Amino acid sequence: MLYLGIGLGAVTALWLSWNLTLDALWQPTDRVTARRILVLAETKEGECVFDLGCGDGRIVVAAARDFGARAVGYEVDPFRALWGKTWIRLARLEDRARVVMGDMCRADLAEADVVVLFLSAKANARLEAKLRRELKPGARVVSYFHPMAGWRPREIGLSRGNHPLYLYRMEDVR
């Protein structure tokens, strides 16, 4: 039993250490804020929503379940990606939602109508050129907490905790 405890402690310590190297620490988005993000983006049935750094997939699930969107989440952490995939399966949303375990910088965003970001300022800056290059006119980006440097938001909403939700339309940032 002692060895099991030591082993689990070591795995947990390694996982936490690895997470500290990522561009954004995981802070789960509450349901009210997830809905506010999708409403602010004016998410419509049949549109494609990408959540980059989707964590456990809660925004992906909400977009598919509550808005009728097709939704794709990218998550580099295997535990959270697995949780997101499980949640999608339990909600029976496999036909409209998926979580990809992988680097969000490698996501093909050509189909995206809405992109959701709850990342660090550094991660947002890394994604800026990709978003400009790959998103079509009319696509919307919602960044929770951190603005996109140099972009002028079309609107600023508020999360449940009164943190900013920045809405950008690609036709405004080109």
N, C-alpha and C. Protein backbone atom coordinates (compact mmCIF):
# COMPACT_ATOMS: atom_id res chain seq x y z
N MET A 1 0.82 -1.19 0.00
CA MET A 1 0.00 0.00 0.00
C MET A 1 0.87 1.26 0.00
N LEU A 2 1.97 1.23 0.74
CA LEU A 2 2.88 2.36 0.79
C LEU A 2 3.46 2.64 -0.58
N TYR A 3 3.83 1.58 -1.32
CA TYR A 3 4.41 1.76 -2.65
C TYR A 3 3.39 2.33 -3.64
N LEU A 4 2.14 1.92 -3.50
CA LEU A 4 1.08 2.45 -4.35
C LEU A 4 0.92 3.95 -4.10
N GLY A 5 0.92 4.35 -2.84
CA GLY A 5 0.80 5.76 -2.49
C GLY A 5 1.97 6.57 -3.02
N ILE A 6 3.17 6.03 -2.90
CA ILE A 6 4.36 6.72 -3.40
C ILE A 6 4.28 6.83 -4.93
N GLY A 7 3.87 5.76 -5.58
CA GLY A 7 3.75 5.75 -7.04
C GLY A 7 2.72 6.76 -7.53
N LEU A 8 1.55 6.77 -6.90
CA LEU A 8 0.51 7.74 -7.29
C LEU A 8 0.96 9.18 -7.02
N GLY A 9 1.66 9.37 -5.93
CA GLY A 9 2.19 10.70 -5.61
C GLY A 9 3.20 11.15 -6.65
N ALA A 10 4.06 10.24 -7.08
CA ALA A 10 5.07 10.57 -8.09
C ALA A 10 4.42 10.90 -9.43
N VAL A 11 3.43 10.10 -9.82
CA VAL A 11 2.72 10.37 -11.08
C VAL A 11 2.02 11.72 -11.02
N THR A 12 1.38 11.99 -9.90
CA THR A 12 0.69 13.27 -9.73
C THR A 12 1.68 14.43 -9.80
N ALA A 13 2.82 14.30 -9.14
CA ALA A 13 3.84 15.36 -9.15
C ALA A 13 4.37 15.59 -10.57
N LEU A 14 4.61 14.52 -11.30
CA LEU A 14 5.08 14.65 -12.69
C LEU A 14 4.03 15.33 -13.56
N TRP A 15 2.77 14.93 -13.39
CA TRP A 15 1.69 15.50 -14.19
C TRP A 15 1.55 17.00 -13.89
N LEU A 16 1.59 17.37 -12.62
CA LEU A 16 1.49 18.77 -12.24
C LEU A 16 2.68 19.57 -12.77
N SER A 17 3.87 19.00 -12.68
CA SER A 17 5.07 19.68 -13.19
C SER A 17 4.96 19.92 -14.69
N TRP A 18 4.50 18.88 -15.42
CA TRP A 18 4.34 19.01 -16.86
C TRP A 18 3.30 20.09 -17.17
N ASN A 19 2.20 20.12 -16.44
CA ASN A 19 1.16 21.12 -16.68
C ASN A 19 1.68 22.54 -16.48
N LEU A 20 2.62 22.73 -15.59
CA LEU A 20 3.18 24.06 -15.36
C LEU A 20 4.00 24.55 -16.54
N THR A 21 4.41 23.64 -17.43
CA THR A 21 5.17 24.04 -18.61
C THR A 21 4.26 24.48 -19.75
N LEU A 22 2.96 24.24 -19.65
CA LEU A 22 2.02 24.58 -20.71
C LEU A 22 1.74 26.08 -20.71
N ASP A 23 1.16 26.56 -21.82
CA ASP A 23 0.88 27.99 -21.96
C ASP A 23 -0.26 28.49 -21.09
N ALA A 24 -1.07 27.60 -20.58
CA ALA A 24 -2.20 28.03 -19.75
C ALA A 24 -2.51 26.93 -18.75
N LEU A 25 -2.66 27.31 -17.52
CA LEU A 25 -3.08 26.35 -16.51
C LEU A 25 -4.57 26.10 -16.67
N TRP A 26 -5.00 24.91 -16.35
CA TRP A 26 -6.41 24.57 -16.51
C TRP A 26 -7.23 25.22 -15.42
N GLN A 27 -8.20 26.00 -15.85
CA GLN A 27 -9.19 26.58 -14.96
C GLN A 27 -10.53 26.28 -15.61
N PRO A 28 -11.26 25.33 -15.08
CA PRO A 28 -12.53 24.95 -15.72
C PRO A 28 -13.48 26.13 -15.86
N THR A 29 -14.09 26.23 -17.02
CA THR A 29 -15.07 27.28 -17.28
C THR A 29 -16.42 26.82 -16.75
N ASP A 30 -17.05 27.65 -15.92
CA ASP A 30 -18.35 27.27 -15.37
C ASP A 30 -19.40 27.30 -16.49
N ARG A 31 -20.53 26.63 -16.25
CA ARG A 31 -21.59 26.50 -17.26
C ARG A 31 -22.18 27.84 -17.69
N VAL A 32 -22.35 28.74 -16.75
CA VAL A 32 -22.92 30.06 -17.08
C VAL A 32 -21.99 30.79 -18.04
N THR A 33 -20.70 30.78 -17.76
CA THR A 33 -19.74 31.46 -18.62
C THR A 33 -19.63 30.77 -19.97
N ALA A 34 -19.65 29.46 -20.00
CA ALA A 34 -19.62 28.73 -21.27
C ALA A 34 -20.78 29.17 -22.15
N ARG A 35 -21.94 29.26 -21.57
CA ARG A 35 -23.13 29.71 -22.33
C ARG A 35 -22.96 31.15 -22.79
N ARG A 36 -22.45 32.02 -21.92
CA ARG A 36 -22.24 33.42 -22.29
C ARG A 36 -21.27 33.54 -23.47
N ILE A 37 -20.23 32.72 -23.46
CA ILE A 37 -19.26 32.73 -24.56
C ILE A 37 -19.95 32.38 -25.88
N LEU A 38 -20.74 31.32 -25.86
CA LEU A 38 -21.40 30.86 -27.08
C LEU A 38 -22.50 31.81 -27.54
N VAL A 39 -23.17 32.46 -26.61
CA VAL A 39 -24.18 33.47 -26.96
C VAL A 39 -23.49 34.71 -27.54
N LEU A 40 -22.41 35.16 -26.89
CA LEU A 40 -21.67 36.33 -27.37
C LEU A 40 -21.19 36.10 -28.81
N ALA A 41 -20.78 34.89 -29.11
CA ALA A 41 -20.30 34.55 -30.46
C ALA A 41 -21.45 34.37 -31.45
N GLU A 42 -22.68 34.46 -30.96
CA GLU A 42 -23.87 34.26 -31.79
C GLU A 42 -23.81 32.91 -32.51
N THR A 43 -23.48 31.88 -31.75
CA THR A 43 -23.35 30.53 -32.28
C THR A 43 -24.70 30.04 -32.80
N LYS A 44 -24.68 29.54 -34.02
CA LYS A 44 -25.91 29.07 -34.67
C LYS A 44 -25.84 27.57 -34.93
N GLU A 45 -27.01 26.98 -35.05
CA GLU A 45 -27.11 25.56 -35.36
C GLU A 45 -26.37 25.27 -36.66
N GLY A 46 -25.58 24.19 -36.66
CA GLY A 46 -24.84 23.76 -37.84
C GLY A 46 -23.49 24.42 -38.01
N GLU A 47 -23.21 25.48 -37.25
CA GLU A 47 -21.90 26.11 -37.36
C GLU A 47 -20.84 25.21 -36.71
N CYS A 48 -19.59 25.53 -36.98
CA CYS A 48 -18.48 24.75 -36.43
C CYS A 48 -17.74 25.58 -35.39
N VAL A 49 -17.70 25.07 -34.17
CA VAL A 49 -17.05 25.73 -33.04
C VAL A 49 -15.78 24.97 -32.70
N PHE A 50 -14.66 25.68 -32.59
CA PHE A 50 -13.41 25.09 -32.13
C PHE A 50 -13.07 25.70 -30.78
N ASP A 51 -12.73 24.84 -29.82
CA ASP A 51 -12.27 25.30 -28.52
C ASP A 51 -10.82 24.85 -28.40
N LEU A 52 -9.90 25.81 -28.49
CA LEU A 52 -8.47 25.49 -28.45
C LEU A 52 -7.99 25.52 -27.01
N GLY A 53 -7.50 24.38 -26.56
CA GLY A 53 -7.19 24.21 -25.15
C GLY A 53 -8.47 23.93 -24.39
N CYS A 54 -9.21 22.93 -24.86
CA CYS A 54 -10.60 22.71 -24.40
C CYS A 54 -10.72 22.09 -23.02
N GLY A 55 -9.62 21.70 -22.39
CA GLY A 55 -9.73 21.09 -21.07
C GLY A 55 -10.56 19.83 -21.12
N ASP A 56 -11.59 19.78 -20.29
CA ASP A 56 -12.43 18.58 -20.23
C ASP A 56 -13.57 18.60 -21.26
N GLY A 57 -13.58 19.57 -22.14
CA GLY A 57 -14.54 19.59 -23.24
C GLY A 57 -15.89 20.19 -22.93
N ARG A 58 -16.03 20.90 -21.83
CA ARG A 58 -17.36 21.39 -21.45
C ARG A 58 -17.93 22.41 -22.44
N ILE A 59 -17.10 23.25 -23.06
CA ILE A 59 -17.62 24.19 -24.05
C ILE A 59 -17.97 23.44 -25.34
N VAL A 60 -17.19 22.43 -25.68
CA VAL A 60 -17.48 21.59 -26.84
C VAL A 60 -18.84 20.92 -26.67
N VAL A 61 -19.08 20.35 -25.51
CA VAL A 61 -20.36 19.69 -25.22
C VAL A 61 -21.50 20.70 -25.25
N ALA A 62 -21.32 21.86 -24.64
CA ALA A 62 -22.38 22.87 -24.62
C ALA A 62 -22.70 23.36 -26.03
N ALA A 63 -21.69 23.56 -26.86
CA ALA A 63 -21.92 24.03 -28.23
C ALA A 63 -22.75 23.02 -29.01
N ALA A 64 -22.43 21.74 -28.88
CA ALA A 64 -23.15 20.69 -29.61
C ALA A 64 -24.54 20.45 -29.03
N ARG A 65 -24.62 20.34 -27.72
CA ARG A 65 -25.88 20.00 -27.06
C ARG A 65 -26.88 21.16 -27.05
N ASP A 66 -26.42 22.34 -26.67
CA ASP A 66 -27.34 23.46 -26.45
C ASP A 66 -27.52 24.37 -27.66
N PHE A 67 -26.57 24.35 -28.60
CA PHE A 67 -26.64 25.25 -29.74
C PHE A 67 -26.75 24.50 -31.08
N GLY A 68 -26.65 23.18 -31.06
CA GLY A 68 -26.75 22.41 -32.29
C GLY A 68 -25.57 22.59 -33.23
N ALA A 69 -24.46 23.04 -32.69
CA ALA A 69 -23.25 23.26 -33.50
C ALA A 69 -22.47 21.96 -33.64
N ARG A 70 -21.61 21.93 -34.62
CA ARG A 70 -20.57 20.90 -34.68
C ARG A 70 -19.42 21.49 -33.87
N ALA A 71 -18.81 20.70 -33.01
CA ALA A 71 -17.81 21.26 -32.11
C ALA A 71 -16.59 20.37 -32.03
N VAL A 72 -15.43 21.01 -32.03
CA VAL A 72 -14.15 20.31 -31.96
C VAL A 72 -13.30 20.98 -30.90
N GLY A 73 -12.77 20.19 -29.99
CA GLY A 73 -11.87 20.71 -28.99
C GLY A 73 -10.48 20.14 -29.19
N TYR A 74 -9.47 20.94 -28.94
CA TYR A 74 -8.09 20.48 -28.96
C TYR A 74 -7.54 20.60 -27.55
N GLU A 75 -6.94 19.52 -27.07
CA GLU A 75 -6.39 19.50 -25.71
C GLU A 75 -5.11 18.67 -25.72
N VAL A 76 -4.03 19.25 -25.19
CA VAL A 76 -2.75 18.57 -25.17
C VAL A 76 -2.62 17.61 -23.98
N ASP A 77 -3.37 17.84 -22.93
CA ASP A 77 -3.28 16.99 -21.74
C ASP A 77 -4.11 15.72 -21.96
N PRO A 78 -3.47 14.55 -21.91
CA PRO A 78 -4.20 13.31 -22.22
C PRO A 78 -5.32 13.00 -21.23
N PHE A 79 -5.17 13.34 -19.98
CA PHE A 79 -6.21 13.06 -18.99
C PHE A 79 -7.46 13.89 -19.27
N ARG A 80 -7.27 15.17 -19.53
CA ARG A 80 -8.42 16.02 -19.81
C ARG A 80 -9.05 15.68 -21.16
N ALA A 81 -8.21 15.36 -22.15
CA ALA A 81 -8.75 14.96 -23.45
C ALA A 81 -9.60 13.70 -23.32
N LEU A 82 -9.13 12.75 -22.54
CA LEU A 82 -9.90 11.52 -22.31
C LEU A 82 -11.21 11.83 -21.60
N TRP A 83 -11.17 12.72 -20.63
CA TRP A 83 -12.39 13.11 -19.93
C TRP A 83 -13.37 13.75 -20.90
N GLY A 84 -12.88 14.64 -21.77
CA GLY A 84 -13.74 15.28 -22.76
C GLY A 84 -14.37 14.27 -23.71
N LYS A 85 -13.58 13.32 -24.17
CA LYS A 85 -14.11 12.27 -25.07
C LYS A 85 -15.17 11.44 -24.35
N THR A 86 -14.93 11.15 -23.08
CA THR A 86 -15.90 10.37 -22.30
C THR A 86 -17.19 11.14 -22.12
N TRP A 87 -17.08 12.42 -21.81
CA TRP A 87 -18.25 13.27 -21.60
C TRP A 87 -19.10 13.34 -22.88
N ILE A 88 -18.43 13.47 -24.03
CA ILE A 88 -19.13 13.51 -25.32
C ILE A 88 -19.88 12.20 -25.55
N ARG A 89 -19.22 11.09 -25.25
CA ARG A 89 -19.87 9.78 -25.43
C ARG A 89 -21.07 9.63 -24.50
N LEU A 90 -20.92 10.01 -23.23
CA LEU A 90 -22.02 9.90 -22.27
C LEU A 90 -23.20 10.79 -22.68
N ALA A 91 -22.90 11.93 -23.28
CA ALA A 91 -23.96 12.84 -23.72
C ALA A 91 -24.52 12.44 -25.09
N ARG A 92 -23.95 11.39 -25.67
CA ARG A 92 -24.37 10.88 -26.99
C ARG A 92 -24.28 11.97 -28.07
N LEU A 93 -23.15 12.66 -28.08
CA LEU A 93 -22.94 13.74 -29.03
C LEU A 93 -21.84 13.43 -30.05
N GLU A 94 -21.47 12.15 -30.19
CA GLU A 94 -20.37 11.79 -31.08
C GLU A 94 -20.59 12.22 -32.53
N ASP A 95 -21.84 12.38 -32.93
CA ASP A 95 -22.12 12.79 -34.31
C ASP A 95 -21.85 14.28 -34.54
N ARG A 96 -21.73 15.07 -33.47
CA ARG A 96 -21.54 16.51 -33.61
C ARG A 96 -20.35 17.06 -32.84
N ALA A 97 -19.73 16.27 -31.99
CA ALA A 97 -18.67 16.80 -31.14
C ALA A 97 -17.51 15.81 -31.03
N ARG A 98 -16.32 16.37 -30.89
CA ARG A 98 -15.14 15.52 -30.65
C ARG A 98 -14.05 16.33 -29.98
N VAL A 99 -13.20 15.61 -29.27
CA VAL A 99 -12.02 16.20 -28.66
C VAL A 99 -10.81 15.51 -29.27
N VAL A 100 -9.88 16.30 -29.75
CA VAL A 100 -8.65 15.80 -30.34
C VAL A 100 -7.54 16.01 -29.32
N MET A 101 -6.83 14.93 -28.99
CA MET A 101 -5.68 15.09 -28.12
C MET A 101 -4.51 15.49 -29.00
N GLY A 102 -4.12 16.74 -28.87
CA GLY A 102 -3.03 17.21 -29.71
C GLY A 102 -2.78 18.69 -29.52
N ASP A 103 -1.80 19.17 -30.25
CA ASP A 103 -1.36 20.55 -30.19
C ASP A 103 -2.34 21.45 -30.93
N MET A 104 -2.89 22.43 -30.25
CA MET A 104 -3.86 23.33 -30.87
C MET A 104 -3.26 24.12 -32.03
N CYS A 105 -1.94 24.29 -32.03
CA CYS A 105 -1.28 25.02 -33.11
C CYS A 105 -1.29 24.24 -34.41
N ARG A 106 -1.62 22.96 -34.35
CA ARG A 106 -1.69 22.12 -35.54
C ARG A 106 -3.13 21.92 -36.04
N ALA A 107 -4.09 22.50 -35.35
CA ALA A 107 -5.50 22.36 -35.74
C ALA A 107 -5.73 23.08 -37.07
N ASP A 108 -6.50 22.45 -37.94
CA ASP A 108 -6.90 23.07 -39.20
C ASP A 108 -8.20 23.82 -38.93
N LEU A 109 -8.15 25.13 -38.96
CA LEU A 109 -9.29 25.97 -38.58
C LEU A 109 -10.11 26.44 -39.77
N ALA A 110 -9.89 25.88 -40.94
CA ALA A 110 -10.57 26.34 -42.15
C ALA A 110 -12.09 26.27 -42.02
N GLU A 111 -12.62 25.28 -41.31
CA GLU A 111 -14.07 25.12 -41.16
C GLU A 111 -14.66 25.95 -40.03
N ALA A 112 -13.83 26.54 -39.20
CA ALA A 112 -14.30 27.19 -37.97
C ALA A 112 -15.14 28.43 -38.26
N ASP A 113 -16.30 28.47 -37.62
CA ASP A 113 -17.12 29.68 -37.60
C ASP A 113 -16.87 30.45 -36.31
N VAL A 114 -16.57 29.71 -35.24
CA VAL A 114 -16.31 30.27 -33.92
C VAL A 114 -15.08 29.58 -33.35
N VAL A 115 -14.17 30.36 -32.77
CA VAL A 115 -13.02 29.81 -32.06
C VAL A 115 -13.05 30.38 -30.65
N VAL A 116 -12.95 29.49 -29.67
CA VAL A 116 -12.96 29.88 -28.27
C VAL A 116 -11.56 29.68 -27.70
N LEU A 117 -11.08 30.70 -26.98
CA LEU A 117 -9.76 30.66 -26.35
C LEU A 117 -9.91 31.02 -24.87
N PHE A 118 -9.40 30.16 -24.00
CA PHE A 118 -9.23 30.54 -22.60
C PHE A 118 -7.81 30.12 -22.26
N LEU A 119 -6.88 30.95 -22.72
CA LEU A 119 -5.46 30.64 -22.67
C LEU A 119 -4.72 31.79 -21.99
N SER A 120 -3.41 31.73 -22.05
CA SER A 120 -2.60 32.83 -21.53
C SER A 120 -2.41 33.88 -22.63
N ALA A 121 -1.93 35.05 -22.24
CA ALA A 121 -1.63 36.09 -23.23
C ALA A 121 -0.56 35.60 -24.19
N LYS A 122 0.39 34.84 -23.68
CA LYS A 122 1.47 34.28 -24.51
C LYS A 122 0.92 33.31 -25.56
N ALA A 123 0.00 32.45 -25.15
CA ALA A 123 -0.60 31.49 -26.08
C ALA A 123 -1.44 32.22 -27.13
N ASN A 124 -2.20 33.23 -26.71
CA ASN A 124 -2.97 34.02 -27.67
C ASN A 124 -2.05 34.64 -28.71
N ALA A 125 -0.92 35.18 -28.28
CA ALA A 125 0.03 35.81 -29.20
C ALA A 125 0.59 34.77 -30.18
N ARG A 126 0.84 33.56 -29.70
CA ARG A 126 1.34 32.50 -30.58
C ARG A 126 0.31 32.11 -31.64
N LEU A 127 -0.97 32.24 -31.32
CA LEU A 127 -2.04 31.84 -32.24
C LEU A 127 -2.47 32.95 -33.19
N GLU A 128 -2.06 34.17 -32.95
CA GLU A 128 -2.57 35.31 -33.71
C GLU A 128 -2.40 35.13 -35.22
N ALA A 129 -1.21 34.84 -35.69
CA ALA A 129 -0.97 34.71 -37.13
C ALA A 129 -1.78 33.55 -37.71
N LYS A 130 -1.87 32.46 -36.99
CA LYS A 130 -2.65 31.30 -37.43
C LYS A 130 -4.12 31.67 -37.61
N LEU A 131 -4.68 32.38 -36.64
CA LEU A 131 -6.08 32.79 -36.72
C LEU A 131 -6.30 33.71 -37.91
N ARG A 132 -5.42 34.67 -38.09
CA ARG A 132 -5.54 35.60 -39.23
C ARG A 132 -5.47 34.84 -40.56
N ARG A 133 -4.57 33.88 -40.62
CA ARG A 133 -4.33 33.14 -41.86
C ARG A 133 -5.44 32.15 -42.19
N GLU A 134 -5.96 31.44 -41.18
CA GLU A 134 -6.84 30.31 -41.43
C GLU A 134 -8.33 30.60 -41.31
N LEU A 135 -8.70 31.60 -40.54
CA LEU A 135 -10.13 31.84 -40.34
C LEU A 135 -10.73 32.64 -41.50
N LYS A 136 -11.92 32.23 -41.89
CA LYS A 136 -12.60 32.89 -43.00
C LYS A 136 -13.26 34.18 -42.53
N PRO A 137 -13.54 35.09 -43.46
CA PRO A 137 -14.29 36.29 -43.08
C PRO A 137 -15.62 35.87 -42.46
N GLY A 138 -16.04 36.56 -41.43
CA GLY A 138 -17.28 36.21 -40.74
C GLY A 138 -17.06 35.31 -39.54
N ALA A 139 -15.89 34.69 -39.45
CA ALA A 139 -15.59 33.86 -38.28
C ALA A 139 -15.43 34.76 -37.06
N ARG A 140 -15.78 34.19 -35.91
CA ARG A 140 -15.68 34.92 -34.66
C ARG A 140 -14.71 34.23 -33.72
N VAL A 141 -14.01 35.02 -32.94
CA VAL A 141 -13.10 34.52 -31.92
C VAL A 141 -13.55 35.13 -30.60
N VAL A 142 -13.71 34.27 -29.59
CA VAL A 142 -13.99 34.76 -28.24
C VAL A 142 -12.82 34.35 -27.36
N SER A 143 -12.18 35.33 -26.76
CA SER A 143 -11.08 35.07 -25.85
C SER A 143 -11.52 35.45 -24.44
N TYR A 144 -11.44 34.49 -23.57
CA TYR A 144 -11.84 34.66 -22.18
C TYR A 144 -10.63 35.17 -21.41
N PHE A 145 -10.77 36.31 -20.79
CA PHE A 145 -9.82 36.93 -19.87
C PHE A 145 -8.72 37.72 -20.58
N HIS A 146 -8.00 37.11 -21.53
CA HIS A 146 -6.88 37.80 -22.18
C HIS A 146 -7.29 38.31 -23.56
N PRO A 147 -7.07 39.60 -23.82
CA PRO A 147 -7.38 40.12 -25.15
C PRO A 147 -6.33 39.67 -26.17
N MET A 148 -6.67 39.79 -27.42
CA MET A 148 -5.70 39.56 -28.50
C MET A 148 -4.99 40.90 -28.71
N ALA A 149 -3.69 40.91 -28.51
CA ALA A 149 -2.92 42.15 -28.61
C ALA A 149 -3.05 42.74 -30.01
N GLY A 150 -3.40 44.01 -30.06
CA GLY A 150 -3.50 44.71 -31.33
C GLY A 150 -4.82 44.53 -32.06
N TRP A 151 -5.71 43.68 -31.55
CA TRP A 151 -7.01 43.48 -32.17
C TRP A 151 -8.03 44.32 -31.41
N ARG A 152 -8.98 44.89 -32.12
CA ARG A 152 -10.03 45.66 -31.49
C ARG A 152 -11.28 44.77 -31.37
N PRO A 153 -11.73 44.51 -30.14
CA PRO A 153 -12.91 43.66 -29.99
C PRO A 153 -14.17 44.35 -30.51
N ARG A 154 -15.04 43.56 -31.09
CA ARG A 154 -16.34 44.06 -31.55
C ARG A 154 -17.23 44.32 -30.34
N GLU A 155 -17.06 43.44 -29.34
CA GLU A 155 -17.88 43.55 -28.13
C GLU A 155 -17.10 42.92 -26.97
N ILE A 156 -17.39 43.37 -25.77
CA ILE A 156 -16.79 42.77 -24.58
C ILE A 156 -17.92 42.37 -23.65
N GLY A 157 -18.02 41.06 -23.42
CA GLY A 157 -19.00 40.54 -22.48
C GLY A 157 -18.33 40.25 -21.15
N LEU A 158 -19.10 39.69 -20.24
CA LEU A 158 -18.56 39.36 -18.92
C LEU A 158 -18.85 37.91 -18.57
N SER A 159 -17.88 37.29 -17.95
CA SER A 159 -18.06 35.94 -17.43
C SER A 159 -18.92 36.00 -16.17
N ARG A 160 -19.25 34.86 -15.64
CA ARG A 160 -20.01 34.81 -14.39
C ARG A 160 -19.27 35.52 -13.26
N GLY A 161 -17.94 35.45 -13.28
CA GLY A 161 -17.12 36.11 -12.27
C GLY A 161 -16.70 37.52 -12.66
N ASN A 162 -17.37 38.09 -13.67
CA ASN A 162 -17.11 39.44 -14.15
C ASN A 162 -15.74 39.64 -14.80
N HIS A 163 -15.19 38.58 -15.38
CA HIS A 163 -13.96 38.69 -16.16
C HIS A 163 -14.35 38.93 -17.61
N PRO A 164 -13.50 39.63 -18.37
CA PRO A 164 -13.88 39.98 -19.74
C PRO A 164 -13.90 38.79 -20.71
N LEU A 165 -14.87 38.87 -21.62
CA LEU A 165 -14.98 37.95 -22.75
C LEU A 165 -14.88 38.83 -23.99
N TYR A 166 -13.78 38.71 -24.71
CA TYR A 166 -13.54 39.57 -25.87
C TYR A 166 -14.04 38.89 -27.14
N LEU A 167 -14.95 39.54 -27.86
CA LEU A 167 -15.45 39.02 -29.13
C LEU A 167 -14.78 39.76 -30.28
N TYR A 168 -14.17 38.99 -31.16
CA TYR A 168 -13.53 39.54 -32.36
C TYR A 168 -14.21 38.94 -33.59
N ARG A 169 -14.36 39.74 -34.63
CA ARG A 169 -14.83 39.26 -35.92
C ARG A 169 -13.67 39.42 -36.89
N MET A 170 -13.41 38.37 -37.64
CA MET A 170 -12.22 38.36 -38.47
C MET A 170 -12.21 39.50 -39.49
N GLU A 171 -13.36 39.94 -39.95
CA GLU A 171 -13.37 41.04 -40.91
C GLU A 171 -12.87 42.33 -40.27
N ASP A 172 -12.88 42.42 -38.93
CA ASP A 172 -12.39 43.62 -38.23
C ASP A 172 -10.89 43.59 -37.99
N VAL A 173 -10.27 42.42 -38.06
CA VAL A 173 -8.85 42.31 -37.69
C VAL A 173 -7.92 42.08 -38.87
N ARG A 174 -8.45 42.03 -40.02
CA ARG A 174 -7.59 41.78 -41.22
C ARG A 174 -6.90 43.04 -41.68
